[in-house]
Each structure stands twice: as C-alpha cells, then as structure tokens.
Amino acid sequence: MPAKNPAALEFLLTRRSRPAKTLVAPVPDTAELDTILTAAARTPDHGKLEPWRFIVLHGDVFKRLSALTAQRGDALGKSAEDIAKAQNQFDMANLAVVVVEVQKPSEKIPPLEQTYSAGAVCLALLNAALASGWGANWLSGWASHDAEFCSVGLGLTQGERVAGIIHIGTEKSAPPERPRPDVAALTTWLQA
C-alpha cells in the first residue's frame, strides 16, 4: 500500500482561493515568502529547464503599476471600467508574486510544456501560500498580457510573459463556498 498523507489530501480537497480584494496586511515576511517560493519551485518541470522566474511586488511599486495601467489602458483604448478594474489589482495590493514564464530553447521540451510548467508553478505558489495560513489569489488581466506594460512595469524581456500574479495577505473575511465541478461528468474511463 502507498504511504498516505491524509492532511495533504484534506487540504487539496478543501482548498479555496481567497478573493484578492479581501487580502490585507500583514503579509508574509521575507523568510516566510522564501519558504512559499521554495515550495512553488518544486513543481513538475520536464527537462529541468526552470522555464519560469519570480518577481516579488511590494511597497510603492503598486502605485507605479497602477499609474502605468491607466496610461496603457488609455493608449490601448480600454474603457474606464476596464482600466479601473485592472488598476484595482494594484491599488488594493500589499504583496504579490509575479510568475514569469521564460521560454527556454530545447529540442526535447516543446514550448507548450514549458507553459504548462509555468502554470503549475502558479498553482503550487497559490497552494503553498494557503497551506502556510495566508490568503492568496491568482490573478492576471489585460495589463499582464500587454507587452509594453510587462516591459516597462515589470522589466520582462523578449521571450518572457506573465503566467500569473499571485496576491498574498491576511484574509479579512472568509469567502463563501462556491459550486465545484462535477468530476463524474468530466471524466472518461477508457478500457482495453
């Protein structure tokens, strides 16, 4: 029989992201965040390419990113509502980790698998933060997919893109449970 880890399974069966707008200070300190990032980096990574990296956002950087969001939204012709929603992600934040997908040249590992690995890091980071007792939420939005915003605001270079922005903080209110997928309806069993 395989060795079971009931606590880990119970965590996965009951895990729930916390809406970013409900996250407040305090936030993890450097040592706590290092543990969370270390756990996230243990994600599946076919070929050991590490096709991702982290950018930690904290402090006054959120004001700069909010202003840049407004500037880029205007330049892109976004509605005032779309701009305000995108700005809110930065206006309300105390700590966030940007997971950056970094495509690496490889004859064995196709780009799509590297994208999957970056997505897996986002989920591992989210779960590590939740397992550490913090509230966390995985966001993105139009600004995180705008090349100029990413270059100017986050320092991303050619071949890099945002896989997700994981907001971490203290949960000020518990979210209600939401409907979950019907696993039986989504599962096909193939035999022979």
C-alpha atoms as a PDB file:
ATOM      1  CA  MET A   1       0.000   0.000   0.000  1.00  0.00           C
ATOM      2  CA  PRO A   2       1.222   3.504  -0.768  1.00  0.00           C
ATOM      3  CA  ALA A   3       2.022   5.796   2.142  1.00  0.00           C
ATOM      4  CA  LYS A   4      -0.873   8.199   2.606  1.00  0.00           C
ATOM      5  CA  ASN A   5      -0.805  11.823   3.666  1.00  0.00           C
ATOM      6  CA  PRO A   6      -4.377  12.472   4.851  1.00  0.00           C
ATOM      7  CA  ALA A   7      -3.664  16.067   5.921  1.00  0.00           C
ATOM      8  CA  ALA A   8      -2.322  16.999   2.481  1.00  0.00           C
ATOM      9  CA  LEU A   9      -5.253  15.321   0.741  1.00  0.00           C
ATOM     10  CA  GLU A  10      -7.756  17.049   3.036  1.00  0.00           C
ATOM     11  CA  PHE A  11      -6.078  20.391   2.256  1.00  0.00           C
ATOM     12  CA  LEU A  12      -6.373  19.772  -1.501  1.00  0.00           C
ATOM     13  CA  LEU A  13      -9.986  18.642  -1.223  1.00  0.00           C
ATOM     14  CA  THR A  14     -10.972  21.754   0.733  1.00  0.00           C
ATOM     15  CA  ARG A  15      -8.604  24.418  -0.595  1.00  0.00           C
ATOM     16  CA  ARG A  16     -10.206  27.698  -1.613  1.00  0.00           C
ATOM     17  CA  SER A  17      -8.613  30.760  -3.141  1.00  0.00           C
ATOM     18  CA  ARG A  18      -9.333  33.955  -1.244  1.00  0.00           C
ATOM     19  CA  PRO A  19     -10.588  36.927  -3.277  1.00  0.00           C
ATOM     20  CA  ALA A  20      -7.713  39.381  -3.657  1.00  0.00           C
ATOM     21  CA  LYS A  21      -9.946  42.255  -2.506  1.00  0.00           C
ATOM     22  CA  THR A  22     -10.267  40.536   0.909  1.00  0.00           C
ATOM     23  CA  LEU A  23      -6.494  40.338   1.493  1.00  0.00           C
ATOM     24  CA  VAL A  24      -4.958  42.873   3.861  1.00  0.00           C
ATOM     25  CA  ALA A  25      -1.736  43.382   5.840  1.00  0.00           C
ATOM     26  CA  PRO A  26       0.156  41.802   7.416  1.00  0.00           C
ATOM     27  CA  VAL A  27       1.805  39.784   4.659  1.00  0.00           C
ATOM     28  CA  PRO A  28       4.492  37.096   4.789  1.00  0.00           C
ATOM     29  CA  ASP A  29       7.938  38.317   5.756  1.00  0.00           C
ATOM     30  CA  THR A  30      10.973  37.508   3.622  1.00  0.00           C
ATOM     31  CA  ALA A  31      11.686  34.172   5.331  1.00  0.00           C
ATOM     32  CA  GLU A  32       8.054  33.037   5.097  1.00  0.00           C
ATOM     33  CA  LEU A  33       7.848  34.067   1.443  1.00  0.00           C
ATOM     34  CA  ASP A  34      11.109  32.259   0.712  1.00  0.00           C
ATOM     35  CA  THR A  35       9.555  29.033   2.040  1.00  0.00           C
ATOM     36  CA  ILE A  36       6.466  29.578  -0.124  1.00  0.00           C
ATOM     37  CA  LEU A  37       8.604  30.234  -3.227  1.00  0.00           C
ATOM     38  CA  THR A  38      10.753  27.174  -2.470  1.00  0.00           C
ATOM     39  CA  ALA A  39       7.624  25.025  -2.334  1.00  0.00           C
ATOM     40  CA  ALA A  40       6.367  26.539  -5.613  1.00  0.00           C
ATOM     41  CA  ALA A  41       9.675  25.804  -7.330  1.00  0.00           C
ATOM     42  CA  ARG A  42       9.213  22.077  -6.631  1.00  0.00           C
ATOM     43  CA  THR A  43       6.663  21.948  -9.443  1.00  0.00           C
ATOM     44  CA  PRO A  44       6.805  19.481 -12.361  1.00  0.00           C
ATOM     45  CA  ASP A  45       9.451  20.734 -14.766  1.00  0.00           C
ATOM     46  CA  HIS A  46      10.051  18.341 -17.655  1.00  0.00           C
ATOM     47  CA  GLY A  47      13.709  18.611 -18.647  1.00  0.00           C
ATOM     48  CA  LYS A  48      14.683  20.674 -15.569  1.00  0.00           C
ATOM     49  CA  LEU A  49      14.565  23.842 -17.683  1.00  0.00           C
ATOM     50  CA  GLU A  50      13.075  26.088 -14.976  1.00  0.00           C
ATOM     51  CA  PRO A  51      11.007  27.939 -17.612  1.00  0.00           C
ATOM     52  CA  TRP A  52       9.820  30.499 -15.072  1.00  0.00           C
ATOM     53  CA  ARG A  53      11.037  33.032 -12.536  1.00  0.00           C
ATOM     54  CA  PHE A  54       9.541  35.151  -9.763  1.00  0.00           C
ATOM     55  CA  ILE A  55       9.149  38.908  -9.292  1.00  0.00           C
ATOM     56  CA  VAL A  56       8.056  39.956  -5.799  1.00  0.00           C
ATOM     57  CA  LEU A  57       5.940  43.116  -5.728  1.00  0.00           C
ATOM     58  CA  HIS A  58       5.589  45.111  -2.510  1.00  0.00           C
ATOM     59  CA  GLY A  59       5.563  48.663  -1.230  1.00  0.00           C
ATOM     60  CA  ASP A  60       5.335  51.668  -3.522  1.00  0.00           C
ATOM     61  CA  VAL A  61       5.718  49.585  -6.698  1.00  0.00           C
ATOM     62  CA  PHE A  62       1.942  49.099  -6.653  1.00  0.00           C
ATOM     63  CA  LYS A  63       1.356  52.859  -7.105  1.00  0.00           C
ATOM     64  CA  ARG A  64       3.685  52.879 -10.114  1.00  0.00           C
ATOM     65  CA  LEU A  65       1.997  49.824 -11.651  1.00  0.00           C
ATOM     66  CA  SER A  66      -1.466  51.321 -11.097  1.00  0.00           C
ATOM     67  CA  ALA A  67      -0.435  54.541 -12.861  1.00  0.00           C
ATOM     68  CA  LEU A  68       1.123  52.568 -15.713  1.00  0.00           C
ATOM     69  CA  THR A  69      -2.080  50.533 -16.011  1.00  0.00           C
ATOM     70  CA  ALA A  70      -4.082  53.740 -16.500  1.00  0.00           C
ATOM     71  CA  GLN A  71      -1.572  55.028 -19.060  1.00  0.00           C
ATOM     72  CA  ARG A  72      -1.543  51.768 -21.040  1.00  0.00           C
ATOM     73  CA  GLY A  73      -5.311  51.418 -20.802  1.00  0.00           C
ATOM     74  CA  ASP A  74      -5.753  54.855 -22.357  1.00  0.00           C
ATOM     75  CA  ALA A  75      -3.237  54.052 -25.096  1.00  0.00           C
ATOM     76  CA  LEU A  76      -5.000  50.761 -25.862  1.00  0.00           C
ATOM     77  CA  GLY A  77      -8.459  52.343 -25.899  1.00  0.00           C
ATOM     78  CA  LYS A  78      -9.725  50.378 -22.893  1.00  0.00           C
ATOM     79  CA  SER A  79     -12.947  51.515 -21.242  1.00  0.00           C
ATOM     80  CA  ALA A  80     -12.816  53.429 -17.960  1.00  0.00           C
ATOM     81  CA  GLU A  81     -14.380  50.374 -16.298  1.00  0.00           C
ATOM     82  CA  ASP A  82     -11.690  48.011 -17.670  1.00  0.00           C
ATOM     83  CA  ILE A  83      -8.937  50.402 -16.596  1.00  0.00           C
ATOM     84  CA  ALA A  84     -10.355  50.801 -13.077  1.00  0.00           C
ATOM     85  CA  LYS A  85     -10.727  47.034 -12.661  1.00  0.00           C
ATOM     86  CA  ALA A  86      -7.124  46.470 -13.771  1.00  0.00           C
ATOM     87  CA  GLN A  87      -5.844  49.261 -11.537  1.00  0.00           C
ATOM     88  CA  ASN A  88      -7.710  47.846  -8.553  1.00  0.00           C
ATOM     89  CA  GLN A  89      -5.475  44.760  -8.628  1.00  0.00           C
ATOM     90  CA  PHE A  90      -2.528  47.022  -7.781  1.00  0.00           C
ATOM     91  CA  ASP A  91      -4.331  49.664  -5.690  1.00  0.00           C
ATOM     92  CA  MET A  92      -5.504  47.098  -3.114  1.00  0.00           C
ATOM     93  CA  ALA A  93      -2.335  45.002  -3.005  1.00  0.00           C
ATOM     94  CA  ASN A  94       0.192  44.654  -0.209  1.00  0.00           C
ATOM     95  CA  LEU A  95       2.239  41.749  -1.599  1.00  0.00           C
ATOM     96  CA  ALA A  96       2.114  39.841  -4.862  1.00  0.00           C
ATOM     97  CA  VAL A  97       4.393  37.457  -6.720  1.00  0.00           C
ATOM     98  CA  VAL A  98       4.505  37.606 -10.494  1.00  0.00           C
ATOM     99  CA  VAL A  99       5.259  34.225 -12.034  1.00  0.00           C
ATOM    100  CA  VAL A 100       7.052  34.917 -15.296  1.00  0.00           C
ATOM    101  CA  GLU A 101       7.129  32.267 -17.987  1.00  0.00           C
ATOM    102  CA  VAL A 102      10.606  32.136 -19.510  1.00  0.00           C
ATOM    103  CA  GLN A 103      10.680  30.060 -22.688  1.00  0.00           C
ATOM    104  CA  LYS A 104      13.965  28.153 -22.956  1.00  0.00           C
ATOM    105  CA  PRO A 105      15.333  26.670 -26.187  1.00  0.00           C
ATOM    106  CA  SER A 106      15.059  22.889 -26.106  1.00  0.00           C
ATOM    107  CA  GLU A 107      14.984  20.147 -28.704  1.00  0.00           C
ATOM    108  CA  LYS A 108      13.210  17.828 -26.242  1.00  0.00           C
ATOM    109  CA  ILE A 109      10.776  20.068 -24.366  1.00  0.00           C
ATOM    110  CA  PRO A 110       8.210  21.862 -26.542  1.00  0.00           C
ATOM    111  CA  PRO A 111       7.175  25.422 -25.636  1.00  0.00           C
ATOM    112  CA  LEU A 112       3.691  24.274 -24.638  1.00  0.00           C
ATOM    113  CA  GLU A 113       5.098  22.007 -21.912  1.00  0.00           C
ATOM    114  CA  GLN A 114       7.096  24.961 -20.601  1.00  0.00           C
ATOM    115  CA  THR A 115       3.864  26.977 -20.476  1.00  0.00           C
ATOM    116  CA  TYR A 116       2.219  24.152 -18.528  1.00  0.00           C
ATOM    117  CA  SER A 117       5.119  24.165 -16.066  1.00  0.00           C
ATOM    118  CA  ALA A 118       4.745  27.918 -15.501  1.00  0.00           C
ATOM    119  CA  GLY A 119       1.032  27.426 -14.842  1.00  0.00           C
ATOM    120  CA  ALA A 120       1.844  24.612 -12.427  1.00  0.00           C
ATOM    121  CA  VAL A 121       4.179  26.986 -10.557  1.00  0.00           C
ATOM    122  CA  CYS A 122       1.304  29.473 -10.195  1.00  0.00           C
ATOM    123  CA  LEU A 123      -0.920  26.815  -8.632  1.00  0.00           C
ATOM    124  CA  ALA A 124       1.898  25.482  -6.437  1.00  0.00           C
ATOM    125  CA  LEU A 125       2.629  29.031  -5.225  1.00  0.00           C
ATOM    126  CA  LEU A 126      -1.055  29.653  -4.519  1.00  0.00           C
ATOM    127  CA  ASN A 127      -1.382  26.367  -2.615  1.00  0.00           C
ATOM    128  CA  ALA A 128       1.860  26.913  -0.678  1.00  0.00           C
ATOM    129  CA  ALA A 129       0.620  30.321   0.467  1.00  0.00           C
ATOM    130  CA  LEU A 130      -2.750  28.868   1.500  1.00  0.00           C
ATOM    131  CA  ALA A 131      -1.093  25.910   3.262  1.00  0.00           C
ATOM    132  CA  SER A 132       1.073  28.414   5.151  1.00  0.00           C
ATOM    133  CA  GLY A 133      -2.064  30.021   6.541  1.00  0.00           C
ATOM    134  CA  TRP A 134      -2.164  33.074   4.274  1.00  0.00           C
ATOM    135  CA  GLY A 135      -4.964  34.111   1.980  1.00  0.00           C
ATOM    136  CA  ALA A 136      -3.994  34.007  -1.684  1.00  0.00           C
ATOM    137  CA  ASN A 137      -5.455  34.595  -5.123  1.00  0.00           C
ATOM    138  CA  TRP A 138      -4.168  34.058  -8.679  1.00  0.00           C
ATOM    139  CA  LEU A 139      -4.961  36.996 -10.974  1.00  0.00           C
ATOM    140  CA  SER A 140      -3.906  38.174 -14.402  1.00  0.00           C
ATOM    141  CA  GLY A 141      -5.912  40.623 -16.557  1.00  0.00           C
ATOM    142  CA  TRP A 142      -5.323  42.583 -19.717  1.00  0.00           C
ATOM    143  CA  ALA A 143      -2.405  44.631 -18.336  1.00  0.00           C
ATOM    144  CA  SER A 144      -0.412  41.491 -17.544  1.00  0.00           C
ATOM    145  CA  HIS A 145      -0.723  40.463 -21.209  1.00  0.00           C
ATOM    146  CA  ASP A 146       0.300  43.846 -22.621  1.00  0.00           C
ATOM    147  CA  ALA A 147       3.922  43.677 -23.812  1.00  0.00           C
ATOM    148  CA  GLU A 148       4.682  47.319 -23.030  1.00  0.00           C
ATOM    149  CA  PHE A 149       3.189  47.128 -19.534  1.00  0.00           C
ATOM    150  CA  CYS A 150       5.256  43.998 -18.872  1.00  0.00           C
ATOM    151  CA  SER A 151       8.444  45.522 -20.262  1.00  0.00           C
ATOM    152  CA  VAL A 152       8.172  48.946 -18.609  1.00  0.00           C
ATOM    153  CA  GLY A 153       6.410  47.906 -15.413  1.00  0.00           C
ATOM    154  CA  LEU A 154       7.957  44.536 -14.672  1.00  0.00           C
ATOM    155  CA  GLY A 155      11.197  44.520 -16.680  1.00  0.00           C
ATOM    156  CA  LEU A 156      10.233  41.499 -18.773  1.00  0.00           C
ATOM    157  CA  THR A 157      12.377  40.809 -21.812  1.00  0.00           C
ATOM    158  CA  GLN A 158      11.867  39.072 -25.150  1.00  0.00           C
ATOM    159  CA  GLY A 159      10.527  35.538 -24.660  1.00  0.00           C
ATOM    160  CA  GLU A 160       9.060  36.267 -21.236  1.00  0.00           C
ATOM    161  CA  ARG A 161       5.398  36.684 -20.299  1.00  0.00           C
ATOM    162  CA  VAL A 162       3.279  36.792 -17.170  1.00  0.00           C
ATOM    163  CA  ALA A 163       1.815  33.405 -16.255  1.00  0.00           C
ATOM    164  CA  GLY A 164       0.014  34.808 -13.226  1.00  0.00           C
ATOM    165  CA  ILE A 165       0.111  37.282 -10.378  1.00  0.00           C
ATOM    166  CA  ILE A 166      -0.365  35.627  -7.006  1.00  0.00           C
ATOM    167  CA  HIS A 167      -1.613  38.032  -4.336  1.00  0.00           C
ATOM    168  CA  ILE A 168      -0.843  37.015  -0.753  1.00  0.00           C
ATOM    169  CA  GLY A 169      -2.010  38.508   2.525  1.00  0.00           C
ATOM    170  CA  THR A 170      -4.138  38.138   5.607  1.00  0.00           C
ATOM    171  CA  GLU A 171      -7.699  37.113   4.919  1.00  0.00           C
ATOM    172  CA  LYS A 172     -10.095  39.700   6.386  1.00  0.00           C
ATOM    173  CA  SER A 173     -13.250  37.706   5.606  1.00  0.00           C
ATOM    174  CA  ALA A 174     -13.877  34.103   4.650  1.00  0.00           C
ATOM    175  CA  PRO A 175     -15.340  33.629   1.186  1.00  0.00           C
ATOM    176  CA  PRO A 176     -18.494  31.578   0.739  1.00  0.00           C
ATOM    177  CA  GLU A 177     -18.123  28.138  -0.785  1.00  0.00           C
ATOM    178  CA  ARG A 178     -18.806  28.041  -4.488  1.00  0.00           C
ATOM    179  CA  PRO A 179     -20.115  25.311  -6.771  1.00  0.00           C
ATOM    180  CA  ARG A 180     -17.463  22.805  -7.746  1.00  0.00           C
ATOM    181  CA  PRO A 181     -17.097  20.819 -10.981  1.00  0.00           C
ATOM    182  CA  ASP A 182     -18.999  17.570 -11.427  1.00  0.00           C
ATOM    183  CA  VAL A 183     -15.968  15.301 -11.719  1.00  0.00           C
ATOM    184  CA  ALA A 184     -18.023  12.322 -12.888  1.00  0.00           C
ATOM    185  CA  ALA A 185     -19.394  14.363 -15.807  1.00  0.00           C
ATOM    186  CA  LEU A 186     -15.881  15.470 -16.755  1.00  0.00           C
ATOM    187  CA  THR A 187     -14.240  12.040 -16.568  1.00  0.00           C
ATOM    188  CA  THR A 188     -13.994   9.368 -19.228  1.00  0.00           C
ATOM    189  CA  TRP A 189     -12.642   5.929 -18.353  1.00  0.00           C
ATOM    190  CA  LEU A 190     -11.025   4.051 -21.246  1.00  0.00           C
ATOM    191  CA  GLN A 191     -10.600   0.313 -21.036  1.00  0.00           C
ATOM    192  CA  ALA A 192      -8.808  -2.089 -23.352  1.00  0.00           C
END
